[in-house]
Protein backbone atom coordinates (compact mmCIF):
# COMPACT_ATOMS: atom_id res chain seq x y z
CA MET A 1 3.92 -96.34 -28.50
CA GLN A 2 1.90 -98.36 -26.34
CA PRO A 3 -2.10 -98.58 -26.78
CA ILE A 4 -4.15 -96.06 -24.21
CA ALA A 5 -6.71 -98.21 -22.24
CA ALA A 6 -8.98 -95.30 -21.38
CA SER A 7 -12.86 -94.78 -21.49
CA GLN A 8 -13.97 -92.97 -24.56
CA GLY A 9 -10.10 -92.03 -25.57
CA VAL A 10 -9.42 -89.19 -23.01
CA PRO A 11 -5.94 -90.76 -20.95
CA THR A 12 -6.68 -90.78 -16.64
CA LEU A 13 -3.99 -90.67 -14.58
CA ALA A 14 -3.55 -94.34 -14.61
CA ASP A 15 -3.32 -94.90 -17.80
CA LYS A 16 0.06 -92.08 -17.64
CA VAL A 17 1.27 -93.90 -14.90
CA ALA A 18 0.44 -97.83 -16.36
CA PHE A 19 2.33 -96.45 -19.96
CA LEU A 20 5.41 -94.90 -18.30
CA SER A 21 5.59 -98.23 -15.92
CA GLN A 22 6.56 -99.99 -19.17
CA PRO A 23 10.36 -100.39 -20.18
CA GLN A 24 9.36 -100.10 -23.87
CA ALA A 25 7.47 -96.84 -22.87
CA TYR A 26 10.99 -95.79 -23.28
CA ASP A 27 13.70 -95.29 -26.44
CA ALA A 28 16.63 -96.47 -23.90
CA ARG A 29 14.30 -99.66 -23.42
CA PRO A 30 15.70 -100.40 -20.04
CA ASP A 31 15.64 -103.62 -18.22
CA SER A 32 13.12 -102.14 -15.79
CA VAL A 33 11.56 -99.95 -14.76
CA MET A 34 10.69 -98.55 -10.96
CA PRO A 35 7.40 -96.34 -10.10
CA ARG A 36 7.15 -94.69 -6.71
CA GLU A 37 4.70 -92.53 -5.81
CA THR A 38 5.02 -89.11 -3.68
CA HIS A 39 2.16 -86.78 -2.19
CA MET A 40 2.46 -84.63 -5.49
CA SER A 41 4.37 -86.75 -8.33
CA TRP A 42 4.75 -89.80 -9.97
CA VAL A 43 8.75 -90.84 -10.55
CA PHE A 44 9.83 -93.25 -12.77
CA LEU A 45 13.40 -94.63 -12.52
CA ALA A 46 13.97 -96.12 -16.18
CA GLY A 47 17.47 -97.42 -16.94
CA ASP A 48 20.40 -94.01 -16.41
CA ARG A 49 17.51 -91.83 -16.76
CA VAL A 50 14.43 -91.01 -14.24
CA TYR A 51 11.25 -89.17 -14.96
CA LYS A 52 9.22 -87.66 -13.11
CA LEU A 53 5.19 -86.35 -13.93
CA LYS A 54 3.19 -83.78 -11.38
CA LYS A 55 -0.14 -85.40 -10.18
CA PRO A 56 -3.27 -83.06 -10.95
CA VAL A 57 -3.66 -82.17 -7.22
CA ARG A 58 -4.56 -78.84 -5.53
CA PHE A 59 -3.08 -77.84 -2.35
CA SER A 60 -2.94 -74.38 -0.58
CA TYR A 61 0.37 -74.15 -1.13
CA LEU A 62 0.41 -75.62 -5.04
CA ASP A 63 -1.63 -75.92 -7.72
CA PHE A 64 -1.25 -78.39 -10.10
CA SER A 65 -4.98 -79.12 -11.27
CA THR A 66 -4.54 -78.04 -14.93
CA LEU A 67 -1.91 -79.14 -17.81
CA PRO A 68 -0.75 -75.94 -18.35
CA ARG A 69 -0.07 -74.77 -14.82
CA ARG A 70 1.73 -78.47 -14.39
CA GLU A 71 3.79 -77.52 -17.29
CA ALA A 72 4.61 -74.44 -15.76
CA ALA A 73 5.53 -76.40 -12.87
CA CYS A 74 8.11 -78.66 -15.22
CA ARG A 75 9.54 -75.73 -16.71
CA ALA A 76 10.48 -74.19 -12.98
CA GLU A 77 11.56 -77.22 -11.78
CA LEU A 78 14.20 -77.31 -14.25
CA ARG A 79 15.26 -74.28 -13.70
CA LEU A 80 16.03 -73.23 -10.49
CA ASN A 81 17.08 -76.95 -10.01
CA ARG A 82 20.25 -76.28 -12.26
CA ARG A 83 21.47 -73.89 -9.86
CA LEU A 84 22.02 -76.62 -7.93
CA ALA A 85 22.04 -79.39 -10.40
CA PRO A 86 22.97 -78.31 -13.88
CA ASP A 87 24.36 -81.36 -14.96
CA VAL A 88 21.34 -83.51 -13.47
CA TYR A 89 18.50 -81.87 -14.66
CA LEU A 90 18.15 -82.78 -18.66
CA GLY A 91 15.42 -81.25 -19.89
CA VAL A 92 10.87 -81.20 -20.04
CA VAL A 93 9.26 -83.35 -22.44
CA PRO A 94 5.75 -83.99 -23.36
CA LEU A 95 3.63 -86.94 -23.03
CA ILE A 96 1.77 -87.15 -26.44
CA ALA A 97 -1.67 -89.52 -26.47
CA ARG A 98 -2.20 -89.70 -30.80
CA ASP A 99 -4.75 -92.36 -32.16
CA GLY A 100 -4.89 -93.94 -29.39
CA LEU A 101 -1.30 -94.56 -28.54
CA PHE A 102 1.21 -92.63 -26.07
CA SER A 103 4.76 -91.48 -26.82
CA ILE A 104 7.28 -89.39 -24.67
CA GLY A 105 7.94 -86.61 -27.00
CA GLY A 106 6.92 -86.48 -30.93
CA ASP A 107 3.98 -84.87 -33.09
CA GLY A 108 0.71 -84.74 -31.49
CA PRO A 109 -1.12 -83.13 -28.69
CA ALA A 110 0.36 -82.67 -25.20
CA VAL A 111 -1.56 -84.68 -22.27
CA GLU A 112 0.78 -83.65 -19.99
CA TRP A 113 4.81 -82.98 -19.07
CA LEU A 114 7.68 -84.82 -17.60
CA VAL A 115 11.01 -83.28 -15.81
CA VAL A 116 13.59 -85.90 -17.15
CA MET A 117 16.93 -86.43 -15.02
CA ARG A 118 19.88 -88.12 -14.83
CA ARG A 119 19.88 -90.80 -12.00
CA LEU A 120 21.83 -90.34 -9.20
CA ASP A 121 23.33 -93.31 -7.38
CA ASP A 122 21.78 -93.62 -4.11
CA ARG A 123 24.77 -95.08 -2.47
CA PHE A 124 25.97 -91.32 -2.44
CA MET A 125 23.29 -89.38 -0.86
CA LEU A 126 23.43 -87.95 2.11
CA ASP A 127 21.21 -90.09 3.83
CA ARG A 128 22.04 -93.31 3.04
CA MET A 129 25.94 -92.31 3.89
CA ILE A 130 24.33 -91.46 6.98
CA ASP A 131 22.73 -94.78 7.66
CA GLU A 132 26.00 -96.99 6.63
CA ARG A 133 28.62 -94.27 8.41
CA ARG A 134 30.41 -93.56 5.45
CA LEU A 135 29.97 -89.83 5.68
CA SER A 136 33.38 -88.23 6.48
CA ARG A 137 34.84 -84.24 7.23
CA VAL A 138 35.69 -84.50 3.37
CA HIS A 139 32.39 -84.75 2.43
CA LEU A 140 30.83 -82.00 4.62
CA ASP A 141 33.72 -79.69 3.68
CA ARG A 142 32.35 -80.03 0.03
CA LEU A 143 29.12 -79.97 0.44
CA ALA A 144 29.91 -76.84 2.69
CA ASP A 145 31.53 -74.92 0.13
CA THR A 146 28.74 -75.79 -2.26
CA LEU A 147 26.51 -74.37 -0.14
CA ALA A 148 28.45 -71.54 0.74
CA ARG A 149 28.62 -70.70 -3.12
CA PHE A 150 24.76 -71.01 -3.48
CA TYR A 151 23.93 -68.78 -0.67
CA ARG A 152 26.88 -65.96 -2.11
CA GLY A 153 25.16 -66.18 -5.33
CA ALA A 154 21.79 -66.42 -5.02
CA ASP A 155 19.49 -63.50 -5.45
CA PRO A 156 18.63 -61.56 -1.86
CA VAL A 157 14.55 -60.73 -1.93
CA PHE A 158 13.25 -57.94 0.08
CA LEU A 159 10.00 -58.62 2.18
CA SER A 160 8.66 -55.98 4.44
CA PRO A 161 10.26 -57.06 7.89
CA ALA A 162 6.57 -56.38 9.91
CA VAL A 163 5.14 -59.22 6.94
CA HIS A 164 7.82 -61.11 7.75
CA LEU A 165 7.43 -61.67 11.01
CA ASN A 166 3.61 -61.73 11.21
CA ASP A 167 4.45 -65.25 8.51
CA TRP A 168 5.77 -66.08 11.76
CA ARG A 169 3.00 -66.21 14.27
CA LYS A 170 1.02 -67.10 11.35
CA SER A 171 3.08 -70.23 11.52
CA PHE A 172 3.33 -70.52 15.84
CA ASN A 173 -0.82 -70.82 15.07
CA ASP A 174 -1.02 -72.98 12.17
CA ASN A 175 1.32 -75.60 14.44
CA LYS A 176 -0.12 -75.39 17.72
CA ARG A 177 -3.64 -75.44 15.80
CA VAL A 178 -2.93 -78.98 14.71
CA LEU A 179 -0.51 -80.27 16.76
CA LEU A 180 -3.45 -79.97 19.68
CA ASP A 181 -6.10 -81.40 17.56
CA PRO A 182 -7.61 -83.75 20.42
CA ARG A 183 -7.80 -86.78 17.32
CA PHE A 184 -4.18 -87.08 17.34
CA CYS A 185 -3.30 -87.51 20.93
CA LEU A 186 -0.18 -85.49 21.23
CA PRO A 187 1.42 -84.48 24.88
CA PRO A 188 -0.07 -80.85 24.90
CA GLY A 189 2.21 -79.98 27.77
CA VAL A 190 5.00 -80.12 25.28
CA VAL A 191 3.59 -78.46 22.10
CA HIS A 192 2.55 -75.73 24.85
CA ASP A 193 6.17 -75.13 26.09
CA ILE A 194 7.65 -75.26 22.46
CA ASP A 195 5.06 -72.45 21.47
CA ARG A 196 6.32 -70.25 24.50
CA VAL A 197 9.44 -70.21 23.85
CA GLN A 198 9.11 -69.29 20.25
CA ARG A 199 6.76 -65.96 20.57
CA HIS A 200 9.27 -65.45 23.23
CA PHE A 201 11.55 -65.27 20.91
CA LEU A 202 10.33 -63.55 18.63
CA ARG A 203 9.34 -61.11 20.80
CA ALA A 204 12.93 -60.81 22.26
CA ARG A 205 14.79 -61.32 19.09
CA GLY A 206 12.40 -59.88 16.06
CA VAL A 207 14.60 -57.06 15.59
CA ALA A 208 17.42 -59.58 14.85
CA ILE A 209 14.94 -61.11 11.57
CA ALA A 210 14.25 -57.79 10.72
CA ALA A 211 17.61 -56.72 10.32
CA ARG A 212 18.59 -60.21 8.25
CA ILE A 213 15.96 -58.84 5.65
CA ARG A 214 17.55 -54.91 5.92
CA HIS A 215 20.77 -56.13 5.58
CA ARG A 216 19.66 -58.77 2.01
CA ARG A 217 20.61 -61.81 3.89
CA VAL A 218 17.16 -63.50 2.89
CA ILE A 219 17.63 -64.73 -0.36
CA ASP A 220 15.70 -67.15 -3.12
CA GLY A 221 17.31 -70.67 -1.89
CA HIS A 222 16.63 -74.32 -2.07
CA GLY A 223 13.43 -74.66 0.17
CA ASP A 224 13.87 -77.88 1.08
CA MET A 225 17.28 -78.64 1.99
CA ARG A 226 17.43 -82.35 3.56
CA PRO A 227 19.60 -85.17 3.07
CA GLU A 228 17.80 -87.13 0.45
CA HIS A 229 17.96 -84.55 -1.85
CA ILE A 230 22.07 -84.11 -1.64
CA PHE A 231 24.45 -86.03 -3.45
CA LEU A 232 27.92 -86.02 -2.56
CA GLY A 233 29.79 -88.73 -5.49
CA ASP A 234 31.85 -86.86 -7.97
CA ARG A 235 30.48 -83.74 -7.63
CA VAL A 236 27.86 -81.97 -5.24
CA SER A 237 24.36 -81.84 -6.26
CA ILE A 238 21.14 -80.63 -4.71
CA ILE A 239 18.02 -81.59 -6.21
CA ASP A 240 14.65 -81.28 -5.59
CA CYS A 241 14.13 -77.66 -4.42
CA LEU A 242 10.95 -76.12 -4.02
CA GLU A 243 9.81 -75.17 -7.40
CA PHE A 244 5.96 -75.05 -7.00
CA ASN A 245 6.25 -72.32 -4.73
CA ASP A 246 7.94 -69.11 -4.44
CA ARG A 247 7.50 -68.15 -0.74
CA LEU A 248 8.51 -71.07 0.53
CA ARG A 249 11.49 -71.32 -1.46
CA ILE A 250 12.32 -67.69 0.06
CA ASN A 251 14.57 -68.64 2.96
CA ASP A 252 17.23 -67.13 5.74
CA PRO A 253 20.07 -69.12 4.56
CA VAL A 254 21.20 -69.64 8.66
CA ASP A 255 17.38 -71.59 8.23
CA GLU A 256 18.58 -73.80 5.54
CA VAL A 257 21.00 -74.58 7.16
CA ALA A 258 19.42 -75.07 10.59
CA TYR A 259 16.75 -77.58 8.80
CA LEU A 260 19.92 -79.79 7.17
CA SER A 261 20.97 -80.00 10.94
CA LEU A 262 18.44 -80.64 12.19
CA GLU A 263 17.39 -83.70 9.52
CA CYS A 264 21.03 -84.93 10.20
CA GLU A 265 20.50 -84.90 13.95
CA ARG A 266 17.18 -87.14 13.01
CA LEU A 267 19.01 -89.68 11.07
CA GLY A 268 21.57 -89.79 13.81
CA ALA A 269 24.35 -87.82 12.20
CA PRO A 270 24.00 -84.98 15.33
CA HIS A 271 27.83 -84.38 14.62
CA ALA A 272 27.43 -83.79 10.66
CA GLY A 273 24.73 -81.22 11.35
CA ASP A 274 26.96 -79.40 14.18
CA TYR A 275 30.16 -79.76 11.75
CA LEU A 276 28.04 -78.04 8.52
CA TRP A 277 27.02 -75.50 11.03
CA ARG A 278 30.55 -74.23 12.10
CA ARG A 279 31.83 -74.52 8.73
CA MET A 280 28.98 -72.36 7.46
CA LYS A 281 29.39 -69.19 10.16
CA VAL A 282 33.09 -69.06 8.92
CA LEU A 283 32.22 -69.59 5.08
CA LEU A 284 28.81 -67.08 4.79
CA ARG A 285 30.88 -64.77 7.87
CA ASP A 286 27.37 -63.77 9.33
CA GLY A 287 28.65 -63.24 12.60
CA PRO A 288 27.25 -63.87 15.90
CA VAL A 289 23.61 -66.24 15.16
CA ASP A 290 23.91 -69.36 17.01
CA GLU A 291 20.26 -67.93 18.56
CA LEU A 292 18.76 -67.50 15.21
CA PHE A 293 20.13 -70.94 13.69
CA THR A 294 19.00 -72.44 17.35
CA PHE A 295 15.53 -70.61 16.49
CA TYR A 296 15.14 -72.08 12.99
CA ARG A 297 15.94 -75.31 14.05
CA CYS A 298 12.58 -75.44 16.67
CA HIS A 299 10.65 -73.65 14.42
CA ARG A 300 11.33 -76.33 11.77
CA ALA A 301 11.41 -79.28 14.06
CA THR A 302 7.80 -77.75 15.26
CA LEU A 303 6.40 -77.39 11.30
CA ARG A 304 7.81 -81.18 10.22
CA ALA A 305 5.99 -82.60 13.39
CA ARG A 306 2.57 -80.62 11.73
CA LEU A 307 3.35 -81.48 8.39
CA ALA A 308 3.60 -85.42 9.52
CA ILE A 309 0.30 -85.10 11.03
CA ALA A 310 -1.17 -83.53 9.10
CA HIS A 311 -1.16 -86.31 6.26
CA LEU A 312 -3.99 -87.70 8.96
CA TYR A 313 -6.37 -84.95 7.34
CA GLU A 314 -6.53 -87.01 3.98
CA GLU A 315 -9.23 -89.45 3.09
CA HIS A 316 -6.99 -91.79 2.57
CA PRO A 317 -3.34 -91.33 3.41
CA ARG A 318 -0.64 -93.28 2.83
CA THR A 319 1.48 -95.40 5.55
CA PRO A 320 -0.75 -93.56 7.70
CA GLU A 321 0.95 -95.57 10.55
CA LYS A 322 4.20 -93.84 9.71
CA TRP A 323 2.73 -90.08 10.50
CA PRO A 324 2.28 -89.93 14.15
CA ARG A 325 5.91 -91.98 15.26
CA GLN A 326 7.52 -89.33 13.11
CA CYS A 327 5.81 -86.23 14.15
CA ARG A 328 6.78 -87.22 17.82
CA GLN A 329 10.12 -87.66 16.96
CA TYR A 330 10.23 -84.06 14.99
CA LEU A 331 8.29 -82.67 18.69
CA SER A 332 11.23 -84.57 20.90
CA LEU A 333 14.03 -82.41 18.79
CA ALA A 334 11.95 -78.79 18.88
CA ALA A 335 11.70 -79.89 22.69
CA ARG A 336 14.69 -79.95 22.71
CA ASP A 337 16.07 -76.79 21.17
CA ALA A 338 12.94 -75.27 23.15
CA ARG A 339 15.03 -75.60 25.80
CA ARG A 340 18.27 -75.15 24.66
CA LEU A 341 16.82 -71.53 23.01
CA GLU A 342 15.11 -70.36 26.23
CA ARG A 343 18.34 -70.77 27.96
CA MET A 344 20.24 -68.54 25.54
CA LEU A 345 17.19 -66.19 25.66
CA ARG A 346 18.15 -65.19 29.41
CA ARG A 347 21.85 -64.10 28.12
CA PRO A 348 21.23 -60.18 27.00
CA SER A 349 23.56 -60.86 23.63
CA GLY A 350 22.37 -62.51 20.21
CA ARG A 351 25.37 -64.81 20.47
C-alpha cells in the first residue's frame, strides 16, 4: 500500500497513474514498471504482467465516464478477448483506496478497475516480425488457421440490410466531411475520387453486402485486426478487440481480413496481406468476393485516414506531427484501392 497524494483524499487519475507506475505497487515487485498512455487507457508493463486502467473519458463511440461503466468495460474486455487469447487475459481486479492508501486488490472501496494480462514477448508480435523481416509462410498459415476457426465459430449477427447500407453512407459522409476540412490541407481531388468510387460500389453492388447479412456472414468479430495485436509465438493470440462498442465489432470476416491486409501493406509487407487473403478465401469458402475485399480495404484506409487526422481536433493532441503524415499514407492506399475497385466495377460479375 502507498500513500495517496491527492487533495481532500479524493484520488485523481494522476494519483492512480503515479501509484501504478511504482514497482512496490505490485506483489511481484518487478524491477521496473513501464507506463504507456493510449487514447483511452493507461497500460503498465510490470514484470511478466500487464495492468490496464481505462481513462474516465467519453467520446461519441464510448463512455468510460463513470466507475461502473469502466468496470463493465473491463469485464467485457476480459470476456471478449478470451475468445482469441484465453491464456493472456487473466482477470479483472479492483484498485482499492483505504485510509489514504492504495492497493491492488484487498478490502476496501474500489476507486478503479484494472484488466490483468500475461505480458507477451514483443519479438513475436506481427508488426515487429514484419519490421525485422522474420515473417514466414508458416507464421501466416498458423494465423490464417486461427482466424478461420474463430470466424467459423463466431456468433452470427442479424442486421437490417437497409440500416446496414445506410450506415455505410453515413460513414462515407463522415469521412468526406473530416478529410475535406480546409484546416487539414489534404488533396480534395483525391478525397472526392475515393468517395465517388465507394458510392458507385454501394449502388452497383449493395445487393452483395445485403446478401452477406442474409446468409449470416456478418458476425461478432474482433473489430480491430491490426498487426500490433497479433502474437505469433508458441501459440497464436490476438488481443485488444473492440470491447467498448458492440456495433463497431460486428463485421464481415472479409472486412476484418481486408483491414489486416491493408495494415500489413502499410507496414511494408503487402505480400503478407495478399497471402493471408488467398488462404482465407480457401478456408472460409466464401466464393467470389474479391470486389468486396477491395471495397472493404478501400473503406478501411479512408476511415483510418479520417481517424488519424481527427486527432488534431483535440485541444492538446499527443504527437500532433504524426497524424497528417499517417493520414496521407492511408489516403494513398485508399486511392490505389479505389482505382483497382473502379476497374473491377467495369466487369459484369462480382469476381
